[in-house]
Amino acid sequence: MSVMKPIRIAALVAAAAAVVAFAGVGRPDSAGGAATPVGGITVTGEGSVKSVPDQATFTIGLQTQGSSAKEALSANAEQMRRVIAAVRAAGVAKGDVQTQDVSVSADYTDGNEIDGYTASNSISATIRDLGSAGKVLDAASNAGANEVYGPMLSRSGQEQLQAKALRDAVVDAQRKAQALAAAAGVRLGRVTSIREGFFGGPEPYYATDMRLAKADTPIEPGKQDVQASVTVTFAIS
């Protein structure tokens, strides 16, 4: 038994040395200088491009009454066909006219009895030439439309404008990151991640209800902002 004790003690010392050596693997050498910085600088950049709207979308509708739902719908369909034909004749392309809503509902007397039916139908019409908006609305009104809502103004070529806004947002992010790096005394490195944010498109402007619009209705396009946002992370050293 006395012979085995030194052997056991030697084995335990060797095992402890192995654990210490393993624990040191992967650790930076404190005597060899500072460790490489981890993480980075994350900033949000914003870009904005102003544009002048060059097209407008209107909602054009009409209501008709009848003693039955079928009668109200039939009269409504006949009048809406005339409205659509008038809108297209005024210069709106077929692909720019789209049905929005068709409905029929019962009308009730004060005694809660059915007193006929009302049918409603509406279309959206996108006018690519703002100068012809008054003419289109006048044509729709003369054809029987009794509800006109709009305009929702927008700019064609939104993809190009959005791309420009994104490029400006990245430049803005780089400028902010450079300022932070200089203040912190570190050097800005490569981009390690980039994520597009969302500002939404240009806010549409809806005018008030313009029933029986006249041909001389003025449409002022004004200006809109196309906005973009990006979140960028830069490495530092």
Protein backbone atom coordinates (compact mmCIF):
# COMPACT_ATOMS: atom_id res chain seq x y z
CA MET A 1 0.00 0.00 0.00
CA SER A 2 2.85 2.45 0.76
CA VAL A 3 4.19 2.02 -2.79
CA MET A 4 0.92 3.15 -4.47
CA LYS A 5 0.58 6.52 -2.69
CA PRO A 6 3.34 8.41 -4.63
CA ILE A 7 1.87 7.14 -7.88
CA ARG A 8 -1.61 8.49 -7.03
CA ILE A 9 -0.23 11.87 -5.99
CA ALA A 10 1.77 12.15 -9.21
CA ALA A 11 -1.32 11.32 -11.28
CA LEU A 12 -3.38 14.02 -9.57
CA VAL A 13 -0.68 16.65 -10.14
CA ALA A 14 -0.53 15.79 -13.86
CA ALA A 15 -4.31 16.00 -14.20
CA ALA A 16 -4.41 19.42 -12.53
CA ALA A 17 -1.69 20.71 -14.85
CA ALA A 18 -3.67 19.51 -17.87
CA VAL A 19 -6.80 21.35 -16.68
CA VAL A 20 -4.84 24.60 -16.25
CA ALA A 21 -3.28 24.25 -19.68
CA PHE A 22 -6.66 23.59 -21.33
CA ALA A 23 -8.28 26.55 -19.58
CA GLY A 24 -5.63 28.84 -21.04
CA VAL A 25 -6.35 27.84 -24.67
CA GLY A 26 -8.03 30.66 -26.63
CA ARG A 27 -7.32 33.36 -24.08
CA PRO A 28 -5.55 36.53 -25.34
CA ASP A 29 -1.98 36.89 -24.14
CA SER A 30 -2.15 39.73 -21.65
CA ALA A 31 1.56 40.29 -21.99
CA GLY A 32 1.38 40.49 -25.79
CA GLY A 33 -0.88 43.59 -26.16
CA ALA A 34 -4.61 44.48 -26.24
CA ALA A 35 -7.18 42.05 -27.64
CA THR A 36 -8.95 42.76 -30.96
CA PRO A 37 -12.12 44.84 -30.31
CA VAL A 38 -15.42 43.04 -30.72
CA GLY A 39 -18.82 44.39 -31.72
CA GLY A 40 -18.84 47.59 -33.74
CA ILE A 41 -20.74 50.80 -34.35
CA THR A 42 -24.40 50.61 -35.35
CA VAL A 43 -26.12 53.68 -36.75
CA THR A 44 -29.32 54.53 -38.58
CA GLY A 45 -29.08 56.59 -41.74
CA GLU A 46 -31.92 58.46 -43.41
CA GLY A 47 -32.41 59.66 -46.96
CA SER A 48 -35.08 61.79 -48.57
CA VAL A 49 -35.83 62.78 -52.17
CA LYS A 50 -38.34 65.49 -53.05
CA SER A 51 -40.54 64.95 -56.08
CA VAL A 52 -43.43 66.69 -57.80
CA PRO A 53 -46.48 64.42 -58.26
CA ASP A 54 -47.39 63.88 -61.90
CA GLN A 55 -50.48 61.69 -61.60
CA ALA A 56 -53.66 61.52 -59.56
CA THR A 57 -56.11 58.79 -58.59
CA PHE A 58 -59.77 59.56 -57.97
CA THR A 59 -62.56 57.39 -56.63
CA ILE A 60 -65.66 57.90 -58.73
CA GLY A 61 -68.97 56.38 -57.72
CA LEU A 62 -72.72 56.53 -57.99
CA GLN A 63 -75.80 55.43 -56.11
CA THR A 64 -79.14 54.33 -57.51
CA GLN A 65 -82.43 53.40 -55.90
CA GLY A 66 -85.02 50.74 -56.81
CA SER A 67 -88.04 49.00 -55.40
CA SER A 68 -86.07 45.74 -55.34
CA ALA A 69 -82.42 44.87 -54.98
CA LYS A 70 -82.35 43.59 -58.55
CA GLU A 71 -83.87 46.80 -59.89
CA ALA A 72 -81.42 48.99 -57.96
CA LEU A 73 -78.43 46.93 -59.11
CA SER A 74 -79.57 46.83 -62.72
CA ALA A 75 -80.00 50.61 -62.88
CA ASN A 76 -76.66 51.05 -61.17
CA ALA A 77 -74.80 48.78 -63.58
CA GLU A 78 -76.25 50.59 -66.59
CA GLN A 79 -75.19 54.00 -65.30
CA MET A 80 -71.72 52.80 -64.25
CA ARG A 81 -71.10 51.46 -67.75
CA ARG A 82 -71.79 54.96 -69.05
CA VAL A 83 -69.47 56.50 -66.45
CA ILE A 84 -66.62 54.12 -67.31
CA ALA A 85 -67.07 54.77 -71.02
CA ALA A 86 -66.99 58.53 -70.40
CA VAL A 87 -63.87 58.32 -68.25
CA ARG A 88 -62.05 56.28 -70.87
CA ALA A 89 -63.19 58.60 -73.64
CA ALA A 90 -61.71 61.49 -71.62
CA GLY A 91 -58.28 59.87 -71.86
CA VAL A 92 -57.98 57.39 -68.97
CA ALA A 93 -56.47 54.07 -70.11
CA LYS A 94 -58.40 50.85 -69.61
CA GLY A 95 -55.75 49.50 -67.24
CA ASP A 96 -56.07 52.62 -65.07
CA VAL A 97 -59.76 52.03 -64.31
CA GLN A 98 -60.56 49.50 -61.60
CA THR A 99 -63.77 48.58 -59.78
CA GLN A 100 -63.50 49.32 -56.07
CA ASP A 101 -66.83 48.39 -54.56
CA VAL A 102 -70.28 47.11 -55.54
CA SER A 103 -73.00 46.82 -52.90
CA VAL A 104 -76.75 46.93 -52.36
CA SER A 105 -78.62 47.59 -49.14
CA ALA A 106 -82.20 47.91 -47.99
CA ASP A 107 -83.72 51.27 -47.05
CA TYR A 108 -85.99 51.35 -44.01
CA THR A 109 -88.81 53.61 -42.93
CA ASP A 110 -89.15 54.99 -39.41
CA GLY A 111 -91.34 51.98 -38.69
CA ASN A 112 -88.43 49.68 -39.54
CA GLU A 113 -90.05 48.47 -42.73
CA ILE A 114 -88.20 48.04 -46.03
CA ASP A 115 -88.81 51.01 -48.30
CA GLY A 116 -86.74 50.18 -51.35
CA TYR A 117 -83.07 49.46 -52.00
CA THR A 118 -79.94 51.48 -52.71
CA ALA A 119 -77.12 50.16 -54.89
CA SER A 120 -73.64 51.64 -54.83
CA ASN A 121 -70.76 51.22 -57.24
CA SER A 122 -67.35 52.91 -57.33
CA ILE A 123 -64.24 52.79 -59.48
CA SER A 124 -60.74 54.17 -59.13
CA ALA A 125 -59.37 56.13 -62.08
CA THR A 126 -55.69 56.99 -62.34
CA ILE A 127 -55.06 60.10 -64.42
CA ARG A 128 -51.50 60.18 -65.78
CA ASP A 129 -51.80 63.76 -67.01
CA LEU A 130 -52.77 66.10 -64.19
CA GLY A 131 -53.76 68.76 -66.70
CA SER A 132 -56.64 66.58 -67.88
CA ALA A 133 -58.03 65.82 -64.41
CA GLY A 134 -60.79 68.43 -64.64
CA LYS A 135 -61.92 67.09 -68.00
CA VAL A 136 -62.11 63.52 -66.69
CA LEU A 137 -64.11 64.51 -63.61
CA ASP A 138 -66.49 66.59 -65.68
CA ALA A 139 -67.04 63.66 -68.07
CA ALA A 140 -67.77 61.31 -65.18
CA SER A 141 -70.21 63.77 -63.64
CA ASN A 142 -72.06 64.30 -66.91
CA ALA A 143 -72.35 60.52 -67.33
CA GLY A 144 -74.13 60.14 -63.99
CA ALA A 145 -71.44 59.90 -61.30
CA ASN A 146 -72.67 61.56 -58.13
CA GLU A 147 -69.69 60.82 -55.85
CA VAL A 148 -66.10 61.90 -56.48
CA TYR A 149 -63.33 61.60 -53.91
CA GLY A 150 -59.70 62.57 -54.31
CA PRO A 151 -57.19 63.22 -55.49
CA MET A 152 -54.53 60.83 -54.24
CA LEU A 153 -51.42 62.38 -55.76
CA SER A 154 -48.36 60.29 -56.61
CA ARG A 155 -45.22 60.32 -58.71
CA SER A 156 -44.36 57.88 -61.48
CA GLY A 157 -40.97 56.16 -61.32
CA GLN A 158 -41.17 55.48 -57.58
CA GLU A 159 -38.56 52.69 -57.80
CA GLN A 160 -35.84 55.07 -59.02
CA LEU A 161 -36.72 57.66 -56.40
CA GLN A 162 -36.68 55.04 -53.64
CA ALA A 163 -33.28 53.76 -54.80
CA LYS A 164 -31.88 57.30 -54.65
CA ALA A 165 -33.29 57.76 -51.14
CA LEU A 166 -31.67 54.48 -50.03
CA ARG A 167 -28.27 55.52 -51.40
CA ASP A 168 -28.55 58.81 -49.53
CA ALA A 169 -29.47 56.90 -46.35
CA VAL A 170 -26.32 54.76 -46.60
CA VAL A 171 -24.15 57.86 -47.07
CA ASP A 172 -25.82 59.41 -44.02
CA ALA A 173 -25.09 56.27 -41.99
CA GLN A 174 -21.41 56.35 -43.00
CA ARG A 175 -21.14 60.00 -42.01
CA LYS A 176 -22.63 59.33 -38.57
CA ALA A 177 -20.44 56.28 -38.00
CA GLN A 178 -17.30 58.22 -38.92
CA ALA A 179 -18.17 60.91 -36.39
CA LEU A 180 -18.75 58.32 -33.65
CA ALA A 181 -15.51 56.48 -34.47
CA ALA A 182 -13.50 59.71 -34.34
CA ALA A 183 -15.06 60.66 -30.99
CA ALA A 184 -14.32 57.21 -29.56
CA GLY A 185 -10.74 57.11 -30.87
CA VAL A 186 -11.24 53.98 -32.98
CA ARG A 187 -10.91 53.27 -36.68
CA LEU A 188 -13.99 52.49 -38.74
CA GLY A 189 -13.87 49.19 -40.59
CA ARG A 190 -15.99 47.36 -43.13
CA VAL A 191 -19.77 47.03 -43.05
CA THR A 192 -20.79 43.87 -41.19
CA SER A 193 -24.55 44.21 -41.56
CA ILE A 194 -27.10 46.45 -43.19
CA ARG A 195 -30.86 46.43 -42.80
CA GLU A 196 -33.42 48.49 -44.62
CA GLY A 197 -35.89 50.33 -42.46
CA PHE A 198 -39.30 51.58 -43.51
CA PHE A 199 -40.52 55.15 -43.69
CA GLY A 200 -43.40 54.40 -46.02
CA GLY A 201 -44.01 55.98 -49.37
CA PRO A 202 -45.10 59.53 -49.95
CA GLU A 203 -48.17 60.39 -47.98
CA PRO A 204 -51.20 60.55 -50.27
CA TYR A 205 -53.32 63.67 -50.05
CA TYR A 206 -57.06 63.22 -50.16
CA ALA A 207 -59.18 66.25 -50.86
CA THR A 208 -62.67 66.50 -49.45
CA ASP A 209 -65.70 65.06 -51.21
CA MET A 210 -66.14 66.84 -54.54
CA ARG A 211 -69.61 65.98 -55.74
CA LEU A 212 -70.48 66.92 -59.32
CA ALA A 213 -66.99 68.26 -60.01
CA LYS A 214 -66.54 70.95 -62.63
CA ALA A 215 -64.04 70.86 -65.47
CA ASP A 216 -62.19 73.87 -64.07
CA THR A 217 -61.40 72.12 -60.78
CA PRO A 218 -57.75 73.08 -60.03
CA ILE A 219 -55.31 70.33 -59.07
CA GLU A 220 -52.13 71.64 -57.45
CA PRO A 221 -49.48 68.87 -57.26
CA GLY A 222 -47.22 70.46 -54.64
CA LYS A 223 -44.23 68.34 -53.54
CA GLN A 224 -43.79 65.01 -51.79
CA ASP A 225 -40.90 63.34 -49.96
CA VAL A 226 -39.77 59.83 -50.84
CA GLN A 227 -37.99 58.62 -47.71
CA ALA A 228 -35.74 55.69 -46.81
CA SER A 229 -34.00 54.40 -43.68
CA VAL A 230 -31.13 51.92 -43.19
CA THR A 231 -29.49 50.50 -40.08
CA VAL A 232 -25.80 49.75 -40.66
CA THR A 233 -23.21 48.11 -38.42
CA PHE A 234 -19.51 48.85 -39.01
CA ALA A 235 -16.58 46.93 -37.60
CA ILE A 236 -14.02 48.91 -35.59
CA SER A 237 -10.34 48.45 -34.86
